[in-house]
Amino acid sequence: MITVLITYNLPGKPPRQAITENFVGAANSIFKGLPGLMSKQFCYDETTGDGHSVYLWESREQAENFFSPAFVEHFREVFGVDPTLTYLDIPVLVDNRVGDVVVNKE
């Protein structure tokens, strides 16, 4: 398992409602059912324009395949900024939705 954090700052600090509409569209058209993606959180601070996305992937390989140069270019076209990507290993995951603690042995 791997977590990928994406950070960015949106010029003009768009209102939360506009960003939420964009996020919902992406959630349904891109991320829902995406193989290898276990979960994704869309985070936004309307006061600063700072956005954060938190992705939980089954493997680093799947994450790296998704976050290709084409992804970065598409992100730039949609939001007008380049994202910063950080890959983080997950030794242990607590999943209270199913009452489980998962130990990542890779």
PDB file of N, CA and C in Angstrom:
ATOM      1  N   MET A   1       0.845  -1.187   0.000  1.00  0.00           N
ATOM      2  CA  MET A   1       0.000   0.000   0.000  1.00  0.00           C
ATOM      3  C   MET A   1       0.884   1.241   0.000  1.00  0.00           C
ATOM      4  N   ILE A   2       0.359   2.267  -0.614  1.00  0.00           N
ATOM      5  CA  ILE A   2       1.082   3.538  -0.690  1.00  0.00           C
ATOM      6  C   ILE A   2       0.064   4.678  -0.630  1.00  0.00           C
ATOM      7  N   THR A   3       0.437   5.730   0.076  1.00  0.00           N
ATOM      8  CA  THR A   3      -0.358   6.953   0.067  1.00  0.00           C
ATOM      9  C   THR A   3       0.349   7.963  -0.807  1.00  0.00           C
ATOM     10  N   VAL A   4      -0.405   8.663  -1.623  1.00  0.00           N
ATOM     11  CA  VAL A   4       0.141   9.765  -2.412  1.00  0.00           C
ATOM     12  C   VAL A   4      -0.596  11.030  -1.984  1.00  0.00           C
ATOM     13  N   LEU A   5       0.185  12.031  -1.578  1.00  0.00           N
ATOM     14  CA  LEU A   5      -0.362  13.339  -1.234  1.00  0.00           C
ATOM     15  C   LEU A   5      -0.094  14.278  -2.388  1.00  0.00           C
ATOM     16  N   ILE A   6      -1.114  14.961  -2.819  1.00  0.00           N
ATOM     17  CA  ILE A   6      -0.952  15.981  -3.855  1.00  0.00           C
ATOM     18  C   ILE A   6      -1.330  17.313  -3.228  1.00  0.00           C
ATOM     19  N   THR A   7      -0.448  18.292  -3.391  1.00  0.00           N
ATOM     20  CA  THR A   7      -0.726  19.632  -2.881  1.00  0.00           C
ATOM     21  C   THR A   7      -0.640  20.623  -4.030  1.00  0.00           C
ATOM     22  N   TYR A   8      -1.438  21.676  -3.915  1.00  0.00           N
ATOM     23  CA  TYR A   8      -1.466  22.715  -4.941  1.00  0.00           C
ATOM     24  C   TYR A   8      -2.127  23.949  -4.353  1.00  0.00           C
ATOM     25  N   ASN A   9      -1.929  25.084  -4.992  1.00  0.00           N
ATOM     26  CA  ASN A   9      -2.581  26.320  -4.574  1.00  0.00           C
ATOM     27  C   ASN A   9      -3.307  26.897  -5.773  1.00  0.00           C
ATOM     28  N   LEU A  10      -4.608  27.095  -5.625  1.00  0.00           N
ATOM     29  CA  LEU A  10      -5.425  27.581  -6.734  1.00  0.00           C
ATOM     30  C   LEU A  10      -5.430  29.103  -6.774  1.00  0.00           C
ATOM     31  N   PRO A  11      -5.041  29.670  -7.908  1.00  0.00           N
ATOM     32  CA  PRO A  11      -5.066  31.125  -8.029  1.00  0.00           C
ATOM     33  C   PRO A  11      -6.491  31.659  -7.905  1.00  0.00           C
ATOM     34  N   GLY A  12      -6.628  32.767  -7.224  1.00  0.00           N
ATOM     35  CA  GLY A  12      -7.941  33.394  -7.091  1.00  0.00           C
ATOM     36  C   GLY A  12      -8.813  32.815  -5.997  1.00  0.00           C
ATOM     37  N   LYS A  13      -8.343  31.767  -5.324  1.00  0.00           N
ATOM     38  CA  LYS A  13      -9.097  31.149  -4.225  1.00  0.00           C
ATOM     39  C   LYS A  13     -10.566  30.920  -4.589  1.00  0.00           C
ATOM     40  N   PRO A  14     -10.830  30.028  -5.534  1.00  0.00           N
ATOM     41  CA  PRO A  14     -12.217  29.784  -5.946  1.00  0.00           C
ATOM     42  C   PRO A  14     -13.101  29.389  -4.758  1.00  0.00           C
ATOM     43  N   PRO A  15     -14.392  29.704  -4.830  1.00  0.00           N
ATOM     44  CA  PRO A  15     -15.288  29.338  -3.731  1.00  0.00           C
ATOM     45  C   PRO A  15     -15.423  27.820  -3.592  1.00  0.00           C
ATOM     46  N   ARG A  16     -15.685  27.403  -2.370  1.00  0.00           N
ATOM     47  CA  ARG A  16     -15.799  25.981  -2.055  1.00  0.00           C
ATOM     48  C   ARG A  16     -16.837  25.295  -2.936  1.00  0.00           C
ATOM     49  N   GLN A  17     -17.958  25.933  -3.187  1.00  0.00           N
ATOM     50  CA  GLN A  17     -19.019  25.314  -3.985  1.00  0.00           C
ATOM     51  C   GLN A  17     -18.526  24.973  -5.394  1.00  0.00           C
ATOM     52  N   ALA A  18     -17.795  25.881  -6.027  1.00  0.00           N
ATOM     53  CA  ALA A  18     -17.286  25.627  -7.381  1.00  0.00           C
ATOM     54  C   ALA A  18     -16.291  24.475  -7.378  1.00  0.00           C
ATOM     55  N   ILE A  19     -15.411  24.460  -6.382  1.00  0.00           N
ATOM     56  CA  ILE A  19     -14.416  23.390  -6.290  1.00  0.00           C
ATOM     57  C   ILE A  19     -15.104  22.060  -5.998  1.00  0.00           C
ATOM     58  N   THR A  20     -16.098  22.084  -5.128  1.00  0.00           N
ATOM     59  CA  THR A  20     -16.825  20.854  -4.798  1.00  0.00           C
ATOM     60  C   THR A  20     -17.489  20.267  -6.038  1.00  0.00           C
ATOM     61  N   GLU A  21     -18.066  21.090  -6.872  1.00  0.00           N
ATOM     62  CA  GLU A  21     -18.683  20.602  -8.112  1.00  0.00           C
ATOM     63  C   GLU A  21     -17.643  19.926  -9.003  1.00  0.00           C
ATOM     64  N   ASN A  22     -16.463  20.520  -9.106  1.00  0.00           N
ATOM     65  CA  ASN A  22     -15.381  19.930  -9.884  1.00  0.00           C
ATOM     66  C   ASN A  22     -14.962  18.590  -9.280  1.00  0.00           C
ATOM     67  N   PHE A  23     -14.819  18.553  -7.950  1.00  0.00           N
ATOM     68  CA  PHE A  23     -14.411  17.322  -7.265  1.00  0.00           C
ATOM     69  C   PHE A  23     -15.428  16.198  -7.472  1.00  0.00           C
ATOM     70  N   VAL A  24     -16.710  16.517  -7.364  1.00  0.00           N
ATOM     71  CA  VAL A  24     -17.751  15.496  -7.540  1.00  0.00           C
ATOM     72  C   VAL A  24     -17.716  14.942  -8.962  1.00  0.00           C
ATOM     73  N   GLY A  25     -17.535  15.819  -9.936  1.00  0.00           N
ATOM     74  CA  GLY A  25     -17.435  15.363 -11.319  1.00  0.00           C
ATOM     75  C   GLY A  25     -16.266  14.414 -11.517  1.00  0.00           C
ATOM     76  N   ALA A  26     -15.109  14.777 -10.971  1.00  0.00           N
ATOM     77  CA  ALA A  26     -13.924  13.918 -11.085  1.00  0.00           C
ATOM     78  C   ALA A  26     -14.119  12.614 -10.322  1.00  0.00           C
ATOM     79  N   ALA A  27     -14.727  12.691  -9.146  1.00  0.00           N
ATOM     80  CA  ALA A  27     -14.948  11.484  -8.347  1.00  0.00           C
ATOM     81  C   ALA A  27     -15.753  10.457  -9.129  1.00  0.00           C
ATOM     82  N   ASN A  28     -16.794  10.916  -9.795  1.00  0.00           N
ATOM     83  CA  ASN A  28     -17.668   9.999 -10.530  1.00  0.00           C
ATOM     84  C   ASN A  28     -17.105   9.563 -11.873  1.00  0.00           C
ATOM     85  N   SER A  29     -16.405  10.455 -12.560  1.00  0.00           N
ATOM     86  CA  SER A  29     -15.955  10.127 -13.917  1.00  0.00           C
ATOM     87  C   SER A  29     -14.561   9.512 -13.971  1.00  0.00           C
ATOM     88  N   ILE A  30     -13.736   9.761 -12.962  1.00  0.00           N
ATOM     89  CA  ILE A  30     -12.354   9.273 -13.003  1.00  0.00           C
ATOM     90  C   ILE A  30     -12.059   8.267 -11.898  1.00  0.00           C
ATOM     91  N   PHE A  31     -12.396   8.589 -10.661  1.00  0.00           N
ATOM     92  CA  PHE A  31     -11.874   7.844  -9.518  1.00  0.00           C
ATOM     93  C   PHE A  31     -12.755   6.706  -9.024  1.00  0.00           C
ATOM     94  N   LYS A  32     -14.053   6.824  -9.143  1.00  0.00           N
ATOM     95  CA  LYS A  32     -14.932   5.752  -8.679  1.00  0.00           C
ATOM     96  C   LYS A  32     -14.688   4.500  -9.511  1.00  0.00           C
ATOM     97  N   GLY A  33     -14.317   3.414  -8.835  1.00  0.00           N
ATOM     98  CA  GLY A  33     -14.073   2.153  -9.526  1.00  0.00           C
ATOM     99  C   GLY A  33     -12.714   2.038 -10.191  1.00  0.00           C
ATOM    100  N   LEU A  34     -11.828   3.007  -9.986  1.00  0.00           N
ATOM    101  CA  LEU A  34     -10.503   2.977 -10.614  1.00  0.00           C
ATOM    102  C   LEU A  34      -9.684   1.823 -10.035  1.00  0.00           C
ATOM    103  N   PRO A  35      -9.235   0.893 -10.873  1.00  0.00           N
ATOM    104  CA  PRO A  35      -8.475  -0.252 -10.376  1.00  0.00           C
ATOM    105  C   PRO A  35      -7.232   0.192  -9.596  1.00  0.00           C
ATOM    106  N   GLY A  36      -7.059  -0.416  -8.431  1.00  0.00           N
ATOM    107  CA  GLY A  36      -5.894  -0.140  -7.598  1.00  0.00           C
ATOM    108  C   GLY A  36      -6.084   0.990  -6.608  1.00  0.00           C
ATOM    109  N   LEU A  37      -7.045   1.873  -6.852  1.00  0.00           N
ATOM    110  CA  LEU A  37      -7.285   2.992  -5.940  1.00  0.00           C
ATOM    111  C   LEU A  37      -8.255   2.537  -4.850  1.00  0.00           C
ATOM    112  N   MET A  38      -7.773   2.541  -3.613  1.00  0.00           N
ATOM    113  CA  MET A  38      -8.595   2.095  -2.489  1.00  0.00           C
ATOM    114  C   MET A  38      -9.478   3.225  -1.958  1.00  0.00           C
ATOM    115  N   SER A  39      -8.938   4.439  -1.919  1.00  0.00           N
ATOM    116  CA  SER A  39      -9.730   5.591  -1.485  1.00  0.00           C
ATOM    117  C   SER A  39      -9.043   6.873  -1.925  1.00  0.00           C
ATOM    118  N   LYS A  40      -9.812   7.948  -1.927  1.00  0.00           N
ATOM    119  CA  LYS A  40      -9.283   9.268  -2.272  1.00  0.00           C
ATOM    120  C   LYS A  40     -10.076  10.307  -1.502  1.00  0.00           C
ATOM    121  N   GLN A  41      -9.370  11.254  -0.918  1.00  0.00           N
ATOM    122  CA  GLN A  41     -10.006  12.376  -0.245  1.00  0.00           C
ATOM    123  C   GLN A  41      -9.653  13.651  -0.993  1.00  0.00           C
ATOM    124  N   PHE A  42     -10.653  14.456  -1.255  1.00  0.00           N
ATOM    125  CA  PHE A  42     -10.479  15.774  -1.856  1.00  0.00           C
ATOM    126  C   PHE A  42     -10.540  16.785  -0.711  1.00  0.00           C
ATOM    127  N   CYS A  43      -9.496  17.576  -0.505  1.00  0.00           N
ATOM    128  CA  CYS A  43      -9.451  18.545   0.592  1.00  0.00           C
ATOM    129  C   CYS A  43      -9.183  19.932   0.015  1.00  0.00           C
ATOM    130  N   TYR A  44      -9.820  20.956   0.603  1.00  0.00           N
ATOM    131  CA  TYR A  44      -9.663  22.310   0.082  1.00  0.00           C
ATOM    132  C   TYR A  44      -9.862  23.327   1.192  1.00  0.00           C
ATOM    133  N   ASP A  45      -8.977  24.320   1.245  1.00  0.00           N
ATOM    134  CA  ASP A  45      -9.090  25.435   2.183  1.00  0.00           C
ATOM    135  C   ASP A  45      -9.447  26.685   1.386  1.00  0.00           C
ATOM    136  N   GLU A  46     -10.692  27.085   1.477  1.00  0.00           N
ATOM    137  CA  GLU A  46     -11.196  28.221   0.707  1.00  0.00           C
ATOM    138  C   GLU A  46     -10.497  29.530   1.083  1.00  0.00           C
ATOM    139  N   THR A  47     -10.011  29.645   2.314  1.00  0.00           N
ATOM    140  CA  THR A  47      -9.386  30.899   2.747  1.00  0.00           C
ATOM    141  C   THR A  47      -8.007  31.109   2.138  1.00  0.00           C
ATOM    142  N   THR A  48      -7.327  30.017   1.783  1.00  0.00           N
ATOM    143  CA  THR A  48      -5.973  30.128   1.225  1.00  0.00           C
ATOM    144  C   THR A  48      -5.885  29.695  -0.232  1.00  0.00           C
ATOM    145  N   GLY A  49      -6.873  28.930  -0.709  1.00  0.00           N
ATOM    146  CA  GLY A  49      -6.811  28.350  -2.046  1.00  0.00           C
ATOM    147  C   GLY A  49      -5.975  27.085  -2.095  1.00  0.00           C
ATOM    148  N   ASP A  50      -5.556  26.592  -0.915  1.00  0.00           N
ATOM    149  CA  ASP A  50      -4.737  25.378  -0.869  1.00  0.00           C
ATOM    150  C   ASP A  50      -5.603  24.142  -1.035  1.00  0.00           C
ATOM    151  N   GLY A  51      -5.185  23.281  -1.946  1.00  0.00           N
ATOM    152  CA  GLY A  51      -5.859  22.015  -2.159  1.00  0.00           C
ATOM    153  C   GLY A  51      -4.932  20.870  -1.819  1.00  0.00           C
ATOM    154  N   HIS A  52      -5.514  19.809  -1.323  1.00  0.00           N
ATOM    155  CA  HIS A  52      -4.773  18.596  -0.994  1.00  0.00           C
ATOM    156  C   HIS A  52      -5.629  17.418  -1.425  1.00  0.00           C
ATOM    157  N   SER A  53      -5.004  16.456  -2.037  1.00  0.00           N
ATOM    158  CA  SER A  53      -5.681  15.208  -2.363  1.00  0.00           C
ATOM    159  C   SER A  53      -4.892  14.089  -1.720  1.00  0.00           C
ATOM    160  N   VAL A  54      -5.597  13.163  -1.093  1.00  0.00           N
ATOM    161  CA  VAL A  54      -4.968  12.039  -0.410  1.00  0.00           C
ATOM    162  C   VAL A  54      -5.470  10.766  -1.074  1.00  0.00           C
ATOM    163  N   TYR A  55      -4.544  10.035  -1.681  1.00  0.00           N
ATOM    164  CA  TYR A  55      -4.870   8.813  -2.408  1.00  0.00           C
ATOM    165  C   TYR A  55      -4.292   7.616  -1.663  1.00  0.00           C
ATOM    166  N   LEU A  56      -5.063   6.567  -1.531  1.00  0.00           N
ATOM    167  CA  LEU A  56      -4.581   5.305  -0.988  1.00  0.00           C
ATOM    168  C   LEU A  56      -4.618   4.273  -2.110  1.00  0.00           C
ATOM    169  N   TRP A  57      -3.437   3.776  -2.470  1.00  0.00           N
ATOM    170  CA  TRP A  57      -3.296   2.826  -3.576  1.00  0.00           C
ATOM    171  C   TRP A  57      -2.891   1.452  -3.061  1.00  0.00           C
ATOM    172  N   GLU A  58      -3.268   0.427  -3.795  1.00  0.00           N
ATOM    173  CA  GLU A  58      -2.857  -0.934  -3.460  1.00  0.00           C
ATOM    174  C   GLU A  58      -1.353  -1.108  -3.615  1.00  0.00           C
ATOM    175  N   SER A  59      -0.754  -0.433  -4.610  1.00  0.00           N
ATOM    176  CA  SER A  59       0.690  -0.574  -4.833  1.00  0.00           C
ATOM    177  C   SER A  59       1.283   0.728  -5.371  1.00  0.00           C
ATOM    178  N   ARG A  60       2.572   0.877  -5.152  1.00  0.00           N
ATOM    179  CA  ARG A  60       3.282   2.042  -5.678  1.00  0.00           C
ATOM    180  C   ARG A  60       3.260   2.033  -7.205  1.00  0.00           C
ATOM    181  N   GLU A  61       3.393   0.852  -7.792  1.00  0.00           N
ATOM    182  CA  GLU A  61       3.386   0.743  -9.251  1.00  0.00           C
ATOM    183  C   GLU A  61       2.086   1.302  -9.843  1.00  0.00           C
ATOM    184  N   GLN A  62       0.953   0.960  -9.238  1.00  0.00           N
ATOM    185  CA  GLN A  62      -0.329   1.479  -9.730  1.00  0.00           C
ATOM    186  C   GLN A  62      -0.387   2.998  -9.598  1.00  0.00           C
ATOM    187  N   ALA A  63       0.111   3.512  -8.482  1.00  0.00           N
ATOM    188  CA  ALA A  63       0.115   4.961  -8.271  1.00  0.00           C
ATOM    189  C   ALA A  63       1.001   5.650  -9.299  1.00  0.00           C
ATOM    190  N   GLU A  64       2.195   5.130  -9.502  1.00  0.00           N
ATOM    191  CA  GLU A  64       3.117   5.754 -10.457  1.00  0.00           C
ATOM    192  C   GLU A  64       2.570   5.695 -11.878  1.00  0.00           C
ATOM    193  N   ASN A  65       1.890   4.620 -12.214  1.00  0.00           N
ATOM    194  CA  ASN A  65       1.285   4.528 -13.548  1.00  0.00           C
ATOM    195  C   ASN A  65       0.189   5.575 -13.727  1.00  0.00           C
ATOM    196  N   PHE A  66      -0.581   5.829 -12.674  1.00  0.00           N
ATOM    197  CA  PHE A  66      -1.657   6.812 -12.765  1.00  0.00           C
ATOM    198  C   PHE A  66      -1.106   8.233 -12.840  1.00  0.00           C
ATOM    199  N   PHE A  67      -0.126   8.537 -11.991  1.00  0.00           N
ATOM    200  CA  PHE A  67       0.413   9.903 -11.924  1.00  0.00           C
ATOM    201  C   PHE A  67       1.513  10.100 -12.972  1.00  0.00           C
ATOM    202  N   SER A  68       1.146   9.906 -14.194  1.00  0.00           N
ATOM    203  CA  SER A  68       2.054  10.013 -15.340  1.00  0.00           C
ATOM    204  C   SER A  68       2.234  11.481 -15.731  1.00  0.00           C
ATOM    205  N   PRO A  69       3.155  11.768 -16.649  1.00  0.00           N
ATOM    206  CA  PRO A  69       3.251  13.137 -17.172  1.00  0.00           C
ATOM    207  C   PRO A  69       1.924  13.631 -17.754  1.00  0.00           C
ATOM    208  N   ALA A  70       1.125  12.730 -18.332  1.00  0.00           N
ATOM    209  CA  ALA A  70      -0.185  13.129 -18.869  1.00  0.00           C
ATOM    210  C   ALA A  70      -1.116  13.587 -17.745  1.00  0.00           C
ATOM    211  N   PHE A  71      -1.046  12.936 -16.577  1.00  0.00           N
ATOM    212  CA  PHE A  71      -1.853  13.371 -15.432  1.00  0.00           C
ATOM    213  C   PHE A  71      -1.471  14.788 -15.020  1.00  0.00           C
ATOM    214  N   VAL A  72      -0.165  15.034 -14.910  1.00  0.00           N
ATOM    215  CA  VAL A  72       0.310  16.363 -14.499  1.00  0.00           C
ATOM    216  C   VAL A  72      -0.137  17.416 -15.511  1.00  0.00           C
ATOM    217  N   GLU A  73      -0.054  17.107 -16.786  1.00  0.00           N
ATOM    218  CA  GLU A  73      -0.480  18.049 -17.827  1.00  0.00           C
ATOM    219  C   GLU A  73      -1.986  18.322 -17.728  1.00  0.00           C
ATOM    220  N   HIS A  74      -2.772  17.271 -17.530  1.00  0.00           N
ATOM    221  CA  HIS A  74      -4.222  17.444 -17.377  1.00  0.00           C
ATOM    222  C   HIS A  74      -4.536  18.292 -16.139  1.00  0.00           C
ATOM    223  N   PHE A  75      -3.845  18.031 -15.047  1.00  0.00           N
ATOM    224  CA  PHE A  75      -4.041  18.804 -13.817  1.00  0.00           C
ATOM    225  C   PHE A  75      -3.748  20.280 -14.081  1.00  0.00           C
ATOM    226  N   ARG A  76      -2.657  20.534 -14.774  1.00  0.00           N
ATOM    227  CA  ARG A  76      -2.267  21.912 -15.112  1.00  0.00           C
ATOM    228  C   ARG A  76      -3.338  22.584 -15.970  1.00  0.00           C
ATOM    229  N   GLU A  77      -3.884  21.852 -16.933  1.00  0.00           N
ATOM    230  CA  GLU A  77      -4.929  22.409 -17.805  1.00  0.00           C
ATOM    231  C   GLU A  77      -6.205  22.732 -17.025  1.00  0.00           C
ATOM    232  N   VAL A  78      -6.583  21.856 -16.096  1.00  0.00           N
ATOM    233  CA  VAL A  78      -7.826  22.038 -15.339  1.00  0.00           C
ATOM    234  C   VAL A  78      -7.692  23.129 -14.281  1.00  0.00           C
ATOM    235  N   PHE A  79      -6.580  23.107 -13.524  1.00  0.00           N
ATOM    236  CA  PHE A  79      -6.440  23.998 -12.374  1.00  0.00           C
ATOM    237  C   PHE A  79      -5.490  25.174 -12.591  1.00  0.00           C
ATOM    238  N   GLY A  80      -4.695  25.136 -13.653  1.00  0.00           N
ATOM    239  CA  GLY A  80      -3.786  26.243 -13.929  1.00  0.00           C
ATOM    240  C   GLY A  80      -2.530  26.255 -13.091  1.00  0.00           C
ATOM    241  N   VAL A  81      -2.240  25.164 -12.391  1.00  0.00           N
ATOM    242  CA  VAL A  81      -1.038  25.058 -11.559  1.00  0.00           C
ATOM    243  C   VAL A  81      -0.482  23.642 -11.659  1.00  0.00           C
ATOM    244  N   ASP A  82       0.795  23.499 -11.299  1.00  0.00           N
ATOM    245  CA  ASP A  82       1.403  22.174 -11.229  1.00  0.00           C
ATOM    246  C   ASP A  82       1.205  21.598  -9.832  1.00  0.00           C
ATOM    247  N   PRO A  83       0.855  20.319  -9.729  1.00  0.00           N
ATOM    248  CA  PRO A  83       0.724  19.696  -8.416  1.00  0.00           C
ATOM    249  C   PRO A  83       2.087  19.250  -7.889  1.00  0.00           C
ATOM    250  N   THR A  84       2.201  19.170  -6.575  1.00  0.00           N
ATOM    251  CA  THR A  84       3.360  18.555  -5.928  1.00  0.00           C
ATOM    252  C   THR A  84       2.914  17.192  -5.421  1.00  0.00           C
ATOM    253  N   LEU A  85       3.633  16.140  -5.817  1.00  0.00           N
ATOM    254  CA  LEU A  85       3.283  14.778  -5.424  1.00  0.00           C
ATOM    255  C   LEU A  85       4.288  14.254  -4.412  1.00  0.00           C
ATOM    256  N   THR A  86       3.788  13.627  -3.343  1.00  0.00           N
ATOM    257  CA  THR A  86       4.627  13.000  -2.331  1.00  0.00           C
ATOM    258  C   THR A  86       4.131  11.575  -2.127  1.00  0.00           C
ATOM    259  N   TYR A  87       5.044  10.603  -2.245  1.00  0.00           N
ATOM    260  CA  TYR A  87       4.717   9.198  -2.049  1.00  0.00           C
ATOM    261  C   TYR A  87       5.132   8.798  -0.634  1.00  0.00           C
ATOM    262  N   LEU A  88       4.209   8.154   0.099  1.00  0.00           N
ATOM    263  CA  LEU A  88       4.471   7.749   1.478  1.00  0.00           C
ATOM    264  C   LEU A  88       4.123   6.281   1.670  1.00  0.00           C
ATOM    265  N   ASP A  89       5.077   5.517   2.207  1.00  0.00           N
ATOM    266  CA  ASP A  89       4.843   4.117   2.530  1.00  0.00           C
ATOM    267  C   ASP A  89       3.860   4.020   3.696  1.00  0.00           C
ATOM    268  N   ILE A  90       3.050   2.980   3.699  1.00  0.00           N
ATOM    269  CA  ILE A  90       2.085   2.752   4.776  1.00  0.00           C
ATOM    270  C   ILE A  90       2.429   1.433   5.467  1.00  0.00           C
ATOM    271  N   PRO A  91       3.112   1.475   6.608  1.00  0.00           N
ATOM    272  CA  PRO A  91       3.385   0.229   7.325  1.00  0.00           C
ATOM    273  C   PRO A  91       2.127  -0.386   7.949  1.00  0.00           C
ATOM    274  N   VAL A  92       1.229   0.471   8.479  1.00  0.00           N
ATOM    275  CA  VAL A  92       0.020  -0.014   9.151  1.00  0.00           C
ATOM    276  C   VAL A  92      -1.146   0.897   8.785  1.00  0.00           C
ATOM    277  N   LEU A  93      -2.292   0.287   8.527  1.00  0.00           N
ATOM    278  CA  LEU A  93      -3.513   1.020   8.198  1.00  0.00           C
ATOM    279  C   LEU A  93      -4.632   0.566   9.132  1.00  0.00           C
ATOM    280  N   VAL A  94      -5.306   1.517   9.765  1.00  0.00           N
ATOM    281  CA  VAL A  94      -6.496   1.223  10.561  1.00  0.00           C
ATOM    282  C   VAL A  94      -7.706   1.552   9.697  1.00  0.00           C
ATOM    283  N   ASP A  95      -8.584   0.578   9.509  1.00  0.00           N
ATOM    284  CA  ASP A  95      -9.800   0.788   8.721  1.00  0.00           C
ATOM    285  C   ASP A  95     -11.007   0.523   9.618  1.00  0.00           C
ATOM    286  N   ASN A  96     -11.520   1.579  10.221  1.00  0.00           N
ATOM    287  CA  ASN A  96     -12.658   1.437  11.132  1.00  0.00           C
ATOM    288  C   ASN A  96     -13.963   1.128  10.415  1.00  0.00           C
ATOM    289  N   ARG A  97     -14.015   1.332   9.094  1.00  0.00           N
ATOM    290  CA  ARG A  97     -15.237   1.000   8.358  1.00  0.00           C
ATOM    291  C   ARG A  97     -15.512  -0.492   8.393  1.00  0.00           C
ATOM    292  N   VAL A  98     -14.440  -1.283   8.409  1.00  0.00           N
ATOM    293  CA  VAL A  98     -14.599  -2.735   8.456  1.00  0.00           C
ATOM    294  C   VAL A  98     -14.023  -3.334   9.737  1.00  0.00           C
ATOM    295  N   GLY A  99     -13.568  -2.473  10.657  1.00  0.00           N
ATOM    296  CA  GLY A  99     -13.046  -2.947  11.935  1.00  0.00           C
ATOM    297  C   GLY A  99     -11.772  -3.750  11.798  1.00  0.00           C
ATOM    298  N   ASP A 100     -10.800  -3.223  11.043  1.00  0.00           N
ATOM    299  CA  ASP A 100      -9.595  -3.990  10.741  1.00  0.00           C
ATOM    300  C   ASP A 100      -8.342  -3.138  10.910  1.00  0.00           C
ATOM    301  N   VAL A 101      -7.253  -3.813  11.245  1.00  0.00           N
ATOM    302  CA  VAL A 101      -5.918  -3.225  11.220  1.00  0.00           C
ATOM    303  C   VAL A 101      -5.127  -4.032  10.200  1.00  0.00           C
ATOM    304  N   VAL A 102      -4.607  -3.355   9.182  1.00  0.00           N
ATOM    305  CA  VAL A 102      -3.893  -4.015   8.095  1.00  0.00           C
ATOM    306  C   VAL A 102      -2.411  -3.700   8.228  1.00  0.00           C
ATOM    307  N   VAL A 103      -1.580  -4.739   8.237  1.00  0.00           N
ATOM    308  CA  VAL A 103      -0.130  -4.579   8.268  1.00  0.00           C
ATOM    309  C   VAL A 103       0.383  -4.802   6.859  1.00  0.00           C
ATOM    310  N   ASN A 104       1.065  -3.791   6.327  1.00  0.00           N
ATOM    311  CA  ASN A 104       1.616  -3.855   4.972  1.00  0.00           C
ATOM    312  C   ASN A 104       2.982  -4.520   5.050  1.00  0.00           C
ATOM    313  N   LYS A 105       3.106  -5.717   4.518  1.00  0.00           N
ATOM    314  CA  LYS A 105       4.342  -6.492   4.638  1.00  0.00           C
ATOM    315  C   LYS A 105       5.319  -6.259   3.504  1.00  0.00           C
ATOM    316  N   GLU A 106       4.956  -5.392   2.568  1.00  0.00           N
ATOM    317  CA  GLU A 106       5.864  -5.127   1.439  1.00  0.00           C
ATOM    318  C   GLU A 106       6.860  -4.071   1.799  1.00  0.00           C
TER     319      GLU A 106
END
